[in-house]
Amino acid sequence: MENPSGVQLIIQLLNGITALIMIYCIISIPVQIIRRIVRKRKDLPVSPLTLIFKKLLKYWVTSAACLIPISSVLILISGNELGLSGQQLFPLIVTQAIIGNVGTSLLVAYVFLRIRKTAWTTKI
C-alpha cells in the first residue's frame, strides 16, 4: 500500500473534521429547536429568529469564502499529482469543491454560530 501524500493527508483531515461537524449538527440542531420551543412555552426569553438567520448567513458566507477556494486548490493539486488534465479537473472542482461545499459551509456556519453565541446574546 502506498503512503498518502501531504495533500491527501490534508484532504483526509478535512473530511474527518467535516464528519465530526456533521455528527454535531445532527444532534445539536433538533436539540436547539426543542429547547427553543420549550423556552417559548414557558415565556422565557429567546433570541429573535431574524438575528439568528442574520448571524447564520454571515458565518455561512465567511465559511464558504474559506472552504471553497481551499478545497478547489486541494483538488487541483491532487489532480495534477494524479496526472489529470484540465478538462477532467474542471467538473471535479465545480461539483465537489463549489457545489459540494455549499452545504458543508452551512454546517460549519452553524458550528461557528454556536461557538460565538455569547458574543451576540446577553444573559437575562
PDB file of N, CA and C in Angstrom:
ATOM      1  N   MET A   1       0.844  -1.181   0.000  1.00  0.00           N
ATOM      2  CA  MET A   1       0.000   0.000   0.000  1.00  0.00           C
ATOM      3  C   MET A   1       0.885   1.239   0.000  1.00  0.00           C
ATOM      4  N   GLU A   2       0.520   2.196  -0.775  1.00  0.00           N
ATOM      5  CA  GLU A   2       1.303   3.398  -0.969  1.00  0.00           C
ATOM      6  C   GLU A   2       1.003   4.415   0.129  1.00  0.00           C
ATOM      7  N   ASN A   3       2.039   5.141   0.579  1.00  0.00           N
ATOM      8  CA  ASN A   3       1.848   6.181   1.579  1.00  0.00           C
ATOM      9  C   ASN A   3       1.156   7.378   0.936  1.00  0.00           C
ATOM     10  N   PRO A   4       0.160   7.961   1.632  1.00  0.00           N
ATOM     11  CA  PRO A   4      -0.519   9.123   1.052  1.00  0.00           C
ATOM     12  C   PRO A   4       0.389  10.354   1.083  1.00  0.00           C
ATOM     13  N   SER A   5       0.201  11.223   0.109  1.00  0.00           N
ATOM     14  CA  SER A   5       0.988  12.457   0.052  1.00  0.00           C
ATOM     15  C   SER A   5       0.458  13.448   1.076  1.00  0.00           C
ATOM     16  N   GLY A   6       1.164  14.558   1.214  1.00  0.00           N
ATOM     17  CA  GLY A   6       0.751  15.592   2.164  1.00  0.00           C
ATOM     18  C   GLY A   6      -0.620  16.163   1.841  1.00  0.00           C
ATOM     19  N   VAL A   7      -0.890  16.339   0.552  1.00  0.00           N
ATOM     20  CA  VAL A   7      -2.190  16.872   0.133  1.00  0.00           C
ATOM     21  C   VAL A   7      -3.305  15.887   0.478  1.00  0.00           C
ATOM     22  N   GLN A   8      -3.056  14.603   0.253  1.00  0.00           N
ATOM     23  CA  GLN A   8      -4.073  13.600   0.573  1.00  0.00           C
ATOM     24  C   GLN A   8      -4.322  13.533   2.083  1.00  0.00           C
ATOM     25  N   LEU A   9      -3.268  13.731   2.886  1.00  0.00           N
ATOM     26  CA  LEU A   9      -3.453  13.756   4.339  1.00  0.00           C
ATOM     27  C   LEU A   9      -4.298  14.955   4.768  1.00  0.00           C
ATOM     28  N   ILE A  10      -4.060  16.096   4.139  1.00  0.00           N
ATOM     29  CA  ILE A  10      -4.860  17.290   4.451  1.00  0.00           C
ATOM     30  C   ILE A  10      -6.322  17.052   4.072  1.00  0.00           C
ATOM     31  N   ILE A  11      -6.541  16.448   2.912  1.00  0.00           N
ATOM     32  CA  ILE A  11      -7.908  16.154   2.473  1.00  0.00           C
ATOM     33  C   ILE A  11      -8.584  15.193   3.440  1.00  0.00           C
ATOM     34  N   GLN A  12      -7.873  14.159   3.879  1.00  0.00           N
ATOM     35  CA  GLN A  12      -8.443  13.215   4.836  1.00  0.00           C
ATOM     36  C   GLN A  12      -8.746  13.894   6.169  1.00  0.00           C
ATOM     37  N   LEU A  13      -7.871  14.790   6.612  1.00  0.00           N
ATOM     38  CA  LEU A  13      -8.103  15.531   7.851  1.00  0.00           C
ATOM     39  C   LEU A  13      -9.341  16.412   7.733  1.00  0.00           C
ATOM     40  N   LEU A  14      -9.463  17.128   6.612  1.00  0.00           N
ATOM     41  CA  LEU A  14     -10.644  17.977   6.405  1.00  0.00           C
ATOM     42  C   LEU A  14     -11.921  17.149   6.329  1.00  0.00           C
ATOM     43  N   ASN A  15     -11.859  15.979   5.700  1.00  0.00           N
ATOM     44  CA  ASN A  15     -13.028  15.096   5.647  1.00  0.00           C
ATOM     45  C   ASN A  15     -13.405  14.602   7.035  1.00  0.00           C
ATOM     46  N   GLY A  16     -12.415  14.292   7.867  1.00  0.00           N
ATOM     47  CA  GLY A  16     -12.693  13.867   9.235  1.00  0.00           C
ATOM     48  C   GLY A  16     -13.328  14.973  10.062  1.00  0.00           C
ATOM     49  N   ILE A  17     -12.816  16.192   9.914  1.00  0.00           N
ATOM     50  CA  ILE A  17     -13.388  17.332  10.631  1.00  0.00           C
ATOM     51  C   ILE A  17     -14.819  17.581  10.160  1.00  0.00           C
ATOM     52  N   THR A  18     -15.048  17.476   8.866  1.00  0.00           N
ATOM     53  CA  THR A  18     -16.402  17.655   8.323  1.00  0.00           C
ATOM     54  C   THR A  18     -17.361  16.600   8.863  1.00  0.00           C
ATOM     55  N   ALA A  19     -16.894  15.367   8.985  1.00  0.00           N
ATOM     56  CA  ALA A  19     -17.739  14.305   9.541  1.00  0.00           C
ATOM     57  C   ALA A  19     -18.100  14.601  10.991  1.00  0.00           C
ATOM     58  N   LEU A  20     -17.141  15.089  11.775  1.00  0.00           N
ATOM     59  CA  LEU A  20     -17.431  15.452  13.166  1.00  0.00           C
ATOM     60  C   LEU A  20     -18.430  16.601  13.244  1.00  0.00           C
ATOM     61  N   ILE A  21     -18.273  17.580  12.367  1.00  0.00           N
ATOM     62  CA  ILE A  21     -19.206  18.709  12.340  1.00  0.00           C
ATOM     63  C   ILE A  21     -20.608  18.226  11.971  1.00  0.00           C
ATOM     64  N   MET A  22     -20.691  17.314  11.015  1.00  0.00           N
ATOM     65  CA  MET A  22     -21.994  16.789  10.603  1.00  0.00           C
ATOM     66  C   MET A  22     -22.672  16.029  11.749  1.00  0.00           C
ATOM     67  N   ILE A  23     -21.911  15.217  12.458  1.00  0.00           N
ATOM     68  CA  ILE A  23     -22.468  14.489  13.599  1.00  0.00           C
ATOM     69  C   ILE A  23     -22.957  15.463  14.666  1.00  0.00           C
ATOM     70  N   TYR A  24     -22.154  16.491  14.947  1.00  0.00           N
ATOM     71  CA  TYR A  24     -22.557  17.501  15.924  1.00  0.00           C
ATOM     72  C   TYR A  24     -23.861  18.184  15.502  1.00  0.00           C
ATOM     73  N   CYS A  25     -23.967  18.552  14.226  1.00  0.00           N
ATOM     74  CA  CYS A  25     -25.165  19.237  13.739  1.00  0.00           C
ATOM     75  C   CYS A  25     -26.392  18.335  13.781  1.00  0.00           C
ATOM     76  N   ILE A  26     -26.212  17.056  13.462  1.00  0.00           N
ATOM     77  CA  ILE A  26     -27.345  16.122  13.504  1.00  0.00           C
ATOM     78  C   ILE A  26     -27.918  16.027  14.916  1.00  0.00           C
ATOM     79  N   ILE A  27     -27.054  16.116  15.911  1.00  0.00           N
ATOM     80  CA  ILE A  27     -27.508  16.044  17.299  1.00  0.00           C
ATOM     81  C   ILE A  27     -27.969  17.406  17.800  1.00  0.00           C
ATOM     82  N   SER A  28     -27.212  18.443  17.503  1.00  0.00           N
ATOM     83  CA  SER A  28     -27.433  19.753  18.105  1.00  0.00           C
ATOM     84  C   SER A  28     -28.648  20.500  17.563  1.00  0.00           C
ATOM     85  N   ILE A  29     -28.879  20.443  16.275  1.00  0.00           N
ATOM     86  CA  ILE A  29     -29.969  21.248  15.692  1.00  0.00           C
ATOM     87  C   ILE A  29     -31.338  20.844  16.246  1.00  0.00           C
ATOM     88  N   PRO A  30     -31.703  19.563  16.268  1.00  0.00           N
ATOM     89  CA  PRO A  30     -33.002  19.214  16.865  1.00  0.00           C
ATOM     90  C   PRO A  30     -33.089  19.573  18.348  1.00  0.00           C
ATOM     91  N   VAL A  31     -31.991  19.416  19.072  1.00  0.00           N
ATOM     92  CA  VAL A  31     -31.983  19.764  20.500  1.00  0.00           C
ATOM     93  C   VAL A  31     -32.246  21.255  20.672  1.00  0.00           C
ATOM     94  N   GLN A  32     -31.627  22.086  19.843  1.00  0.00           N
ATOM     95  CA  GLN A  32     -31.826  23.531  19.948  1.00  0.00           C
ATOM     96  C   GLN A  32     -33.249  23.938  19.567  1.00  0.00           C
ATOM     97  N   ILE A  33     -33.824  23.263  18.593  1.00  0.00           N
ATOM     98  CA  ILE A  33     -35.211  23.569  18.209  1.00  0.00           C
ATOM     99  C   ILE A  33     -36.155  23.221  19.358  1.00  0.00           C
ATOM    100  N   ILE A  34     -35.967  22.049  19.945  1.00  0.00           N
ATOM    101  CA  ILE A  34     -36.813  21.633  21.078  1.00  0.00           C
ATOM    102  C   ILE A  34     -36.609  22.590  22.244  1.00  0.00           C
ATOM    103  N   ARG A  35     -35.377  22.947  22.526  1.00  0.00           N
ATOM    104  CA  ARG A  35     -35.084  23.874  23.624  1.00  0.00           C
ATOM    105  C   ARG A  35     -35.749  25.226  23.399  1.00  0.00           C
ATOM    106  N   ARG A  36     -35.724  25.697  22.168  1.00  0.00           N
ATOM    107  CA  ARG A  36     -36.352  26.985  21.860  1.00  0.00           C
ATOM    108  C   ARG A  36     -37.867  26.924  22.059  1.00  0.00           C
ATOM    109  N   ILE A  37     -38.491  25.819  21.609  1.00  0.00           N
ATOM    110  CA  ILE A  37     -39.941  25.662  21.769  1.00  0.00           C
ATOM    111  C   ILE A  37     -40.307  25.616  23.251  1.00  0.00           C
ATOM    112  N   VAL A  38     -39.543  24.871  24.032  1.00  0.00           N
ATOM    113  CA  VAL A  38     -39.814  24.765  25.470  1.00  0.00           C
ATOM    114  C   VAL A  38     -39.665  26.128  26.142  1.00  0.00           C
ATOM    115  N   ARG A  39     -38.619  26.868  25.797  1.00  0.00           N
ATOM    116  CA  ARG A  39     -38.419  28.201  26.397  1.00  0.00           C
ATOM    117  C   ARG A  39     -39.543  29.162  26.013  1.00  0.00           C
ATOM    118  N   LYS A  40     -40.025  29.085  24.776  1.00  0.00           N
ATOM    119  CA  LYS A  40     -41.138  29.959  24.370  1.00  0.00           C
ATOM    120  C   LYS A  40     -42.411  29.614  25.113  1.00  0.00           C
ATOM    121  N   ARG A  41     -42.667  28.318  25.305  1.00  0.00           N
ATOM    122  CA  ARG A  41     -43.872  27.908  26.025  1.00  0.00           C
ATOM    123  C   ARG A  41     -43.844  28.332  27.478  1.00  0.00           C
ATOM    124  N   LYS A  42     -42.664  28.422  28.053  1.00  0.00           N
ATOM    125  CA  LYS A  42     -42.524  28.851  29.447  1.00  0.00           C
ATOM    126  C   LYS A  42     -42.388  30.363  29.566  1.00  0.00           C
ATOM    127  N   ASP A  43     -42.567  31.074  28.465  1.00  0.00           N
ATOM    128  CA  ASP A  43     -42.431  32.528  28.396  1.00  0.00           C
ATOM    129  C   ASP A  43     -41.059  33.018  28.846  1.00  0.00           C
ATOM    130  N   LEU A  44     -40.032  32.237  28.545  1.00  0.00           N
ATOM    131  CA  LEU A  44     -38.666  32.656  28.802  1.00  0.00           C
ATOM    132  C   LEU A  44     -38.120  33.340  27.555  1.00  0.00           C
ATOM    133  N   PRO A  45     -37.136  34.222  27.710  1.00  0.00           N
ATOM    134  CA  PRO A  45     -36.624  34.938  26.531  1.00  0.00           C
ATOM    135  C   PRO A  45     -35.879  34.012  25.570  1.00  0.00           C
ATOM    136  N   VAL A  46     -36.080  34.253  24.292  1.00  0.00           N
ATOM    137  CA  VAL A  46     -35.361  33.541  23.229  1.00  0.00           C
ATOM    138  C   VAL A  46     -34.841  34.586  22.245  1.00  0.00           C
ATOM    139  N   SER A  47     -33.794  34.250  21.550  1.00  0.00           N
ATOM    140  CA  SER A  47     -33.238  35.167  20.549  1.00  0.00           C
ATOM    141  C   SER A  47     -34.197  35.277  19.370  1.00  0.00           C
ATOM    142  N   PRO A  48     -34.341  36.474  18.805  1.00  0.00           N
ATOM    143  CA  PRO A  48     -35.207  36.623  17.629  1.00  0.00           C
ATOM    144  C   PRO A  48     -34.665  35.812  16.448  1.00  0.00           C
ATOM    145  N   LEU A  49     -35.572  35.193  15.696  1.00  0.00           N
ATOM    146  CA  LEU A  49     -35.163  34.377  14.557  1.00  0.00           C
ATOM    147  C   LEU A  49     -34.428  35.185  13.500  1.00  0.00           C
ATOM    148  N   THR A  50     -34.823  36.458  13.332  1.00  0.00           N
ATOM    149  CA  THR A  50     -34.132  37.278  12.330  1.00  0.00           C
ATOM    150  C   THR A  50     -32.662  37.468  12.698  1.00  0.00           C
ATOM    151  N   LEU A  51     -32.373  37.630  13.982  1.00  0.00           N
ATOM    152  CA  LEU A  51     -30.985  37.771  14.415  1.00  0.00           C
ATOM    153  C   LEU A  51     -30.208  36.478  14.180  1.00  0.00           C
ATOM    154  N   ILE A  52     -30.837  35.353  14.474  1.00  0.00           N
ATOM    155  CA  ILE A  52     -30.188  34.060  14.274  1.00  0.00           C
ATOM    156  C   ILE A  52     -29.886  33.837  12.789  1.00  0.00           C
ATOM    157  N   PHE A  53     -30.867  34.105  11.921  1.00  0.00           N
ATOM    158  CA  PHE A  53     -30.658  33.920  10.481  1.00  0.00           C
ATOM    159  C   PHE A  53     -29.611  34.884   9.938  1.00  0.00           C
ATOM    160  N   LYS A  54     -29.601  36.121  10.445  1.00  0.00           N
ATOM    161  CA  LYS A  54     -28.616  37.101  10.010  1.00  0.00           C
ATOM    162  C   LYS A  54     -27.206  36.642  10.366  1.00  0.00           C
ATOM    163  N   LYS A  55     -27.019  36.171  11.587  1.00  0.00           N
ATOM    164  CA  LYS A  55     -25.707  35.681  12.012  1.00  0.00           C
ATOM    165  C   LYS A  55     -25.322  34.417  11.252  1.00  0.00           C
ATOM    166  N   LEU A  56     -26.279  33.511  11.042  1.00  0.00           N
ATOM    167  CA  LEU A  56     -26.001  32.279  10.306  1.00  0.00           C
ATOM    168  C   LEU A  56     -25.572  32.595   8.874  1.00  0.00           C
ATOM    169  N   LEU A  57     -26.244  33.539   8.233  1.00  0.00           N
ATOM    170  CA  LEU A  57     -25.874  33.935   6.873  1.00  0.00           C
ATOM    171  C   LEU A  57     -24.464  34.524   6.841  1.00  0.00           C
ATOM    172  N   LYS A  58     -24.139  35.352   7.829  1.00  0.00           N
ATOM    173  CA  LYS A  58     -22.797  35.946   7.904  1.00  0.00           C
ATOM    174  C   LYS A  58     -21.730  34.857   8.026  1.00  0.00           C
ATOM    175  N   TYR A  59     -21.941  33.910   8.927  1.00  0.00           N
ATOM    176  CA  TYR A  59     -20.970  32.833   9.112  1.00  0.00           C
ATOM    177  C   TYR A  59     -20.939  31.900   7.902  1.00  0.00           C
ATOM    178  N   TRP A  60     -22.085  31.731   7.229  1.00  0.00           N
ATOM    179  CA  TRP A  60     -22.148  30.887   6.045  1.00  0.00           C
ATOM    180  C   TRP A  60     -21.281  31.456   4.929  1.00  0.00           C
ATOM    181  N   VAL A  61     -21.419  32.746   4.688  1.00  0.00           N
ATOM    182  CA  VAL A  61     -20.625  33.394   3.640  1.00  0.00           C
ATOM    183  C   VAL A  61     -19.132  33.328   3.997  1.00  0.00           C
ATOM    184  N   THR A  62     -18.822  33.569   5.268  1.00  0.00           N
ATOM    185  CA  THR A  62     -17.424  33.534   5.705  1.00  0.00           C
ATOM    186  C   THR A  62     -16.824  32.143   5.533  1.00  0.00           C
ATOM    187  N   SER A  63     -17.556  31.124   5.971  1.00  0.00           N
ATOM    188  CA  SER A  63     -17.016  29.761   5.861  1.00  0.00           C
ATOM    189  C   SER A  63     -16.945  29.309   4.398  1.00  0.00           C
ATOM    190  N   ALA A  64     -17.906  29.714   3.582  1.00  0.00           N
ATOM    191  CA  ALA A  64     -17.851  29.363   2.153  1.00  0.00           C
ATOM    192  C   ALA A  64     -16.669  30.058   1.473  1.00  0.00           C
ATOM    193  N   ALA A  65     -16.395  31.299   1.878  1.00  0.00           N
ATOM    194  CA  ALA A  65     -15.263  32.027   1.300  1.00  0.00           C
ATOM    195  C   ALA A  65     -13.931  31.380   1.660  1.00  0.00           C
ATOM    196  N   CYS A  66     -13.905  30.618   2.743  1.00  0.00           N
ATOM    197  CA  CYS A  66     -12.677  29.896   3.121  1.00  0.00           C
ATOM    198  C   CYS A  66     -12.645  28.488   2.537  1.00  0.00           C
ATOM    199  N   LEU A  67     -13.746  27.749   2.673  1.00  0.00           N
ATOM    200  CA  LEU A  67     -13.763  26.345   2.275  1.00  0.00           C
ATOM    201  C   LEU A  67     -13.659  26.124   0.770  1.00  0.00           C
ATOM    202  N   ILE A  68     -14.385  26.895  -0.006  1.00  0.00           N
ATOM    203  CA  ILE A  68     -14.444  26.660  -1.451  1.00  0.00           C
ATOM    204  C   ILE A  68     -13.083  26.871  -2.130  1.00  0.00           C
ATOM    205  N   PRO A  69     -12.383  27.986  -1.872  1.00  0.00           N
ATOM    206  CA  PRO A  69     -11.064  28.115  -2.511  1.00  0.00           C
ATOM    207  C   PRO A  69     -10.053  27.071  -2.031  1.00  0.00           C
ATOM    208  N   ILE A  70     -10.075  26.768  -0.724  1.00  0.00           N
ATOM    209  CA  ILE A  70      -9.123  25.776  -0.208  1.00  0.00           C
ATOM    210  C   ILE A  70      -9.364  24.416  -0.848  1.00  0.00           C
ATOM    211  N   SER A  71     -10.623  23.988  -0.906  1.00  0.00           N
ATOM    212  CA  SER A  71     -10.899  22.680  -1.494  1.00  0.00           C
ATOM    213  C   SER A  71     -10.642  22.683  -3.002  1.00  0.00           C
ATOM    214  N   SER A  72     -10.861  23.800  -3.672  1.00  0.00           N
ATOM    215  CA  SER A  72     -10.555  23.884  -5.107  1.00  0.00           C
ATOM    216  C   SER A  72      -9.068  23.702  -5.353  1.00  0.00           C
ATOM    217  N   VAL A  73      -8.258  24.362  -4.545  1.00  0.00           N
ATOM    218  CA  VAL A  73      -6.801  24.238  -4.690  1.00  0.00           C
ATOM    219  C   VAL A  73      -6.348  22.818  -4.370  1.00  0.00           C
ATOM    220  N   LEU A  74      -6.912  22.221  -3.320  1.00  0.00           N
ATOM    221  CA  LEU A  74      -6.538  20.848  -2.960  1.00  0.00           C
ATOM    222  C   LEU A  74      -6.904  19.863  -4.064  1.00  0.00           C
ATOM    223  N   ILE A  75      -8.069  20.033  -4.677  1.00  0.00           N
ATOM    224  CA  ILE A  75      -8.469  19.160  -5.787  1.00  0.00           C
ATOM    225  C   ILE A  75      -7.545  19.371  -6.983  1.00  0.00           C
ATOM    226  N   LEU A  76      -7.195  20.619  -7.245  1.00  0.00           N
ATOM    227  CA  LEU A  76      -6.297  20.914  -8.363  1.00  0.00           C
ATOM    228  C   LEU A  76      -4.916  20.279  -8.142  1.00  0.00           C
ATOM    229  N   ILE A  77      -4.382  20.422  -6.940  1.00  0.00           N
ATOM    230  CA  ILE A  77      -3.055  19.858  -6.643  1.00  0.00           C
ATOM    231  C   ILE A  77      -3.086  18.338  -6.706  1.00  0.00           C
ATOM    232  N   SER A  78      -4.087  17.733  -6.071  1.00  0.00           N
ATOM    233  CA  SER A  78      -4.138  16.261  -6.079  1.00  0.00           C
ATOM    234  C   SER A  78      -4.439  15.730  -7.483  1.00  0.00           C
ATOM    235  N   GLY A  79      -5.223  16.456  -8.261  1.00  0.00           N
ATOM    236  CA  GLY A  79      -5.489  16.047  -9.642  1.00  0.00           C
ATOM    237  C   GLY A  79      -4.246  16.126 -10.499  1.00  0.00           C
ATOM    238  N   ASN A  80      -3.444  17.175 -10.272  1.00  0.00           N
ATOM    239  CA  ASN A  80      -2.185  17.286 -11.018  1.00  0.00           C
ATOM    240  C   ASN A  80      -1.212  16.172 -10.631  1.00  0.00           C
ATOM    241  N   GLU A  81      -1.226  15.787  -9.337  1.00  0.00           N
ATOM    242  CA  GLU A  81      -0.372  14.676  -8.905  1.00  0.00           C
ATOM    243  C   GLU A  81      -0.771  13.369  -9.587  1.00  0.00           C
ATOM    244  N   LEU A  82      -2.073  13.217  -9.833  1.00  0.00           N
ATOM    245  CA  LEU A  82      -2.564  12.003 -10.492  1.00  0.00           C
ATOM    246  C   LEU A  82      -2.462  12.072 -12.014  1.00  0.00           C
ATOM    247  N   GLY A  83      -2.080  13.235 -12.535  1.00  0.00           N
ATOM    248  CA  GLY A  83      -1.911  13.379 -13.975  1.00  0.00           C
ATOM    249  C   GLY A  83      -3.200  13.660 -14.723  1.00  0.00           C
ATOM    250  N   LEU A  84      -4.183  14.227 -14.072  1.00  0.00           N
ATOM    251  CA  LEU A  84      -5.446  14.554 -14.743  1.00  0.00           C
ATOM    252  C   LEU A  84      -5.301  15.849 -15.535  1.00  0.00           C
ATOM    253  N   SER A  85      -6.027  15.937 -16.633  1.00  0.00           N
ATOM    254  CA  SER A  85      -5.977  17.133 -17.465  1.00  0.00           C
ATOM    255  C   SER A  85      -6.957  18.179 -16.930  1.00  0.00           C
ATOM    256  N   GLY A  86      -6.871  19.375 -17.480  1.00  0.00           N
ATOM    257  CA  GLY A  86      -7.775  20.452 -17.076  1.00  0.00           C
ATOM    258  C   GLY A  86      -9.225  20.129 -17.358  1.00  0.00           C
ATOM    259  N   GLN A  87      -9.482  19.406 -18.466  1.00  0.00           N
ATOM    260  CA  GLN A  87     -10.848  19.017 -18.805  1.00  0.00           C
ATOM    261  C   GLN A  87     -11.406  18.025 -17.795  1.00  0.00           C
ATOM    262  N   GLN A  88     -10.558  17.210 -17.217  1.00  0.00           N
ATOM    263  CA  GLN A  88     -11.016  16.256 -16.210  1.00  0.00           C
ATOM    264  C   GLN A  88     -11.136  16.918 -14.834  1.00  0.00           C
ATOM    265  N   LEU A  89     -10.305  17.926 -14.569  1.00  0.00           N
ATOM    266  CA  LEU A  89     -10.318  18.583 -13.266  1.00  0.00           C
ATOM    267  C   LEU A  89     -11.476  19.569 -13.111  1.00  0.00           C
ATOM    268  N   PHE A  90     -11.854  20.231 -14.199  1.00  0.00           N
ATOM    269  CA  PHE A  90     -12.901  21.249 -14.108  1.00  0.00           C
ATOM    270  C   PHE A  90     -14.206  20.720 -13.526  1.00  0.00           C
ATOM    271  N   PRO A  91     -14.750  19.598 -14.027  1.00  0.00           N
ATOM    272  CA  PRO A  91     -16.001  19.101 -13.424  1.00  0.00           C
ATOM    273  C   PRO A  91     -15.823  18.694 -11.956  1.00  0.00           C
ATOM    274  N   LEU A  92     -14.655  18.187 -11.608  1.00  0.00           N
ATOM    275  CA  LEU A  92     -14.405  17.834 -10.207  1.00  0.00           C
ATOM    276  C   LEU A  92     -14.427  19.068  -9.310  1.00  0.00           C
ATOM    277  N   ILE A  93     -13.787  20.131  -9.776  1.00  0.00           N
ATOM    278  CA  ILE A  93     -13.747  21.360  -8.974  1.00  0.00           C
ATOM    279  C   ILE A  93     -15.139  21.950  -8.843  1.00  0.00           C
ATOM    280  N   VAL A  94     -15.903  21.969  -9.938  1.00  0.00           N
ATOM    281  CA  VAL A  94     -17.247  22.556  -9.889  1.00  0.00           C
ATOM    282  C   VAL A  94     -18.168  21.729  -8.998  1.00  0.00           C
ATOM    283  N   THR A  95     -18.173  20.411  -9.176  1.00  0.00           N
ATOM    284  CA  THR A  95     -19.125  19.590  -8.416  1.00  0.00           C
ATOM    285  C   THR A  95     -18.698  19.362  -6.979  1.00  0.00           C
ATOM    286  N   GLN A  96     -17.431  19.056  -6.750  1.00  0.00           N
ATOM    287  CA  GLN A  96     -17.005  18.724  -5.396  1.00  0.00           C
ATOM    288  C   GLN A  96     -16.604  19.947  -4.586  1.00  0.00           C
ATOM    289  N   ALA A  97     -15.834  20.849  -5.162  1.00  0.00           N
ATOM    290  CA  ALA A  97     -15.339  21.981  -4.394  1.00  0.00           C
ATOM    291  C   ALA A  97     -16.388  23.085  -4.239  1.00  0.00           C
ATOM    292  N   ILE A  98     -17.081  23.403  -5.304  1.00  0.00           N
ATOM    293  CA  ILE A  98     -18.014  24.533  -5.235  1.00  0.00           C
ATOM    294  C   ILE A  98     -19.396  24.069  -4.772  1.00  0.00           C
ATOM    295  N   ILE A  99     -20.042  23.215  -5.532  1.00  0.00           N
ATOM    296  CA  ILE A  99     -21.396  22.777  -5.193  1.00  0.00           C
ATOM    297  C   ILE A  99     -21.392  21.936  -3.910  1.00  0.00           C
ATOM    298  N   GLY A 100     -20.410  21.079  -3.769  1.00  0.00           N
ATOM    299  CA  GLY A 100     -20.341  20.214  -2.592  1.00  0.00           C
ATOM    300  C   GLY A 100     -20.109  20.955  -1.297  1.00  0.00           C
ATOM    301  N   ASN A 101     -19.437  22.081  -1.351  1.00  0.00           N
ATOM    302  CA  ASN A 101     -19.133  22.812  -0.126  1.00  0.00           C
ATOM    303  C   ASN A 101     -20.181  23.852   0.251  1.00  0.00           C
ATOM    304  N   VAL A 102     -21.228  23.996  -0.520  1.00  0.00           N
ATOM    305  CA  VAL A 102     -22.295  24.916  -0.136  1.00  0.00           C
ATOM    306  C   VAL A 102     -22.972  24.407   1.139  1.00  0.00           C
ATOM    307  N   GLY A 103     -23.348  23.145   1.148  1.00  0.00           N
ATOM    308  CA  GLY A 103     -23.969  22.568   2.344  1.00  0.00           C
ATOM    309  C   GLY A 103     -22.990  22.411   3.483  1.00  0.00           C
ATOM    310  N   THR A 104     -21.769  22.036   3.166  1.00  0.00           N
ATOM    311  CA  THR A 104     -20.748  21.889   4.204  1.00  0.00           C
ATOM    312  C   THR A 104     -20.475  23.215   4.887  1.00  0.00           C
ATOM    313  N   SER A 105     -20.409  24.289   4.116  1.00  0.00           N
ATOM    314  CA  SER A 105     -20.157  25.595   4.714  1.00  0.00           C
ATOM    315  C   SER A 105     -21.332  26.045   5.576  1.00  0.00           C
ATOM    316  N   LEU A 106     -22.544  25.604   5.261  1.00  0.00           N
ATOM    317  CA  LEU A 106     -23.691  25.917   6.113  1.00  0.00           C
ATOM    318  C   LEU A 106     -23.558  25.215   7.461  1.00  0.00           C
ATOM    319  N   LEU A 107     -23.123  23.960   7.450  1.00  0.00           N
ATOM    320  CA  LEU A 107     -22.920  23.243   8.705  1.00  0.00           C
ATOM    321  C   LEU A 107     -21.800  23.877   9.526  1.00  0.00           C
ATOM    322  N   VAL A 108     -20.727  24.270   8.865  1.00  0.00           N
ATOM    323  CA  VAL A 108     -19.634  24.942   9.561  1.00  0.00           C
ATOM    324  C   VAL A 108     -20.111  26.276  10.125  1.00  0.00           C
ATOM    325  N   ALA A 109     -20.959  26.975   9.387  1.00  0.00           N
ATOM    326  CA  ALA A 109     -21.516  28.242   9.873  1.00  0.00           C
ATOM    327  C   ALA A 109     -22.345  28.023  11.128  1.00  0.00           C
ATOM    328  N   TYR A 110     -23.116  26.954  11.177  1.00  0.00           N
ATOM    329  CA  TYR A 110     -23.905  26.654  12.374  1.00  0.00           C
ATOM    330  C   TYR A 110     -22.997  26.419  13.577  1.00  0.00           C
ATOM    331  N   VAL A 111     -21.903  25.708  13.366  1.00  0.00           N
ATOM    332  CA  VAL A 111     -20.959  25.464  14.464  1.00  0.00           C
ATOM    333  C   VAL A 111     -20.343  26.783  14.922  1.00  0.00           C
ATOM    334  N   PHE A 112     -19.951  27.658  13.989  1.00  0.00           N
ATOM    335  CA  PHE A 112     -19.436  28.973  14.369  1.00  0.00           C
ATOM    336  C   PHE A 112     -20.483  29.768  15.135  1.00  0.00           C
ATOM    337  N   LEU A 113     -21.723  29.669  14.710  1.00  0.00           N
ATOM    338  CA  LEU A 113     -22.814  30.365  15.385  1.00  0.00           C
ATOM    339  C   LEU A 113     -22.923  29.899  16.832  1.00  0.00           C
ATOM    340  N   ARG A 114     -22.850  28.600  17.052  1.00  0.00           N
ATOM    341  CA  ARG A 114     -22.932  28.046  18.410  1.00  0.00           C
ATOM    342  C   ARG A 114     -21.719  28.442  19.246  1.00  0.00           C
ATOM    343  N   ILE A 115     -20.536  28.453  18.635  1.00  0.00           N
ATOM    344  CA  ILE A 115     -19.323  28.809  19.365  1.00  0.00           C
ATOM    345  C   ILE A 115     -19.349  30.276  19.772  1.00  0.00           C
ATOM    346  N   ARG A 116     -19.792  31.141  18.878  1.00  0.00           N
ATOM    347  CA  ARG A 116     -19.758  32.591  19.118  1.00  0.00           C
ATOM    348  C   ARG A 116     -21.056  33.132  19.707  1.00  0.00           C
ATOM    349  N   LYS A 117     -21.932  32.292  20.179  1.00  0.00           N
ATOM    350  CA  LYS A 117     -23.239  32.731  20.666  1.00  0.00           C
ATOM    351  C   LYS A 117     -23.128  33.742  21.787  1.00  0.00           C
ATOM    352  N   THR A 118     -22.191  33.578  22.689  1.00  0.00           N
ATOM    353  CA  THR A 118     -22.064  34.504  23.806  1.00  0.00           C
ATOM    354  C   THR A 118     -21.658  35.902  23.347  1.00  0.00           C
ATOM    355  N   ALA A 119     -21.085  36.026  22.164  1.00  0.00           N
ATOM    356  CA  ALA A 119     -20.660  37.339  21.655  1.00  0.00           C
ATOM    357  C   ALA A 119     -21.846  38.184  21.179  1.00  0.00           C
ATOM    358  N   TRP A 120     -22.976  37.556  20.853  1.00  0.00           N
ATOM    359  CA  TRP A 120     -24.098  38.341  20.331  1.00  0.00           C
ATOM    360  C   TRP A 120     -25.399  38.144  21.102  1.00  0.00           C
ATOM    361  N   THR A 121     -25.378  37.405  22.192  1.00  0.00           N
ATOM    362  CA  THR A 121     -26.559  37.298  23.050  1.00  0.00           C
ATOM    363  C   THR A 121     -26.196  37.749  24.443  1.00  0.00           C
ATOM    364  N   THR A 122     -27.204  38.088  25.198  1.00  0.00           N
ATOM    365  CA  THR A 122     -26.983  38.508  26.583  1.00  0.00           C
ATOM    366  C   THR A 122     -27.795  37.612  27.502  1.00  0.00           C
ATOM    367  N   LYS A 123     -27.254  37.337  28.655  1.00  0.00           N
ATOM    368  CA  LYS A 123     -27.974  36.556  29.652  1.00  0.00           C
ATOM    369  C   LYS A 123     -28.971  37.463  30.366  1.00  0.00           C
ATOM    370  N   ILE A 124     -30.159  36.942  30.591  1.00  0.00           N
ATOM    371  CA  ILE A 124     -31.177  37.721  31.301  1.00  0.00           C
ATOM    372  C   ILE A 124     -31.422  37.085  32.650  1.00  0.00           C
TER     373      ILE A 124
END
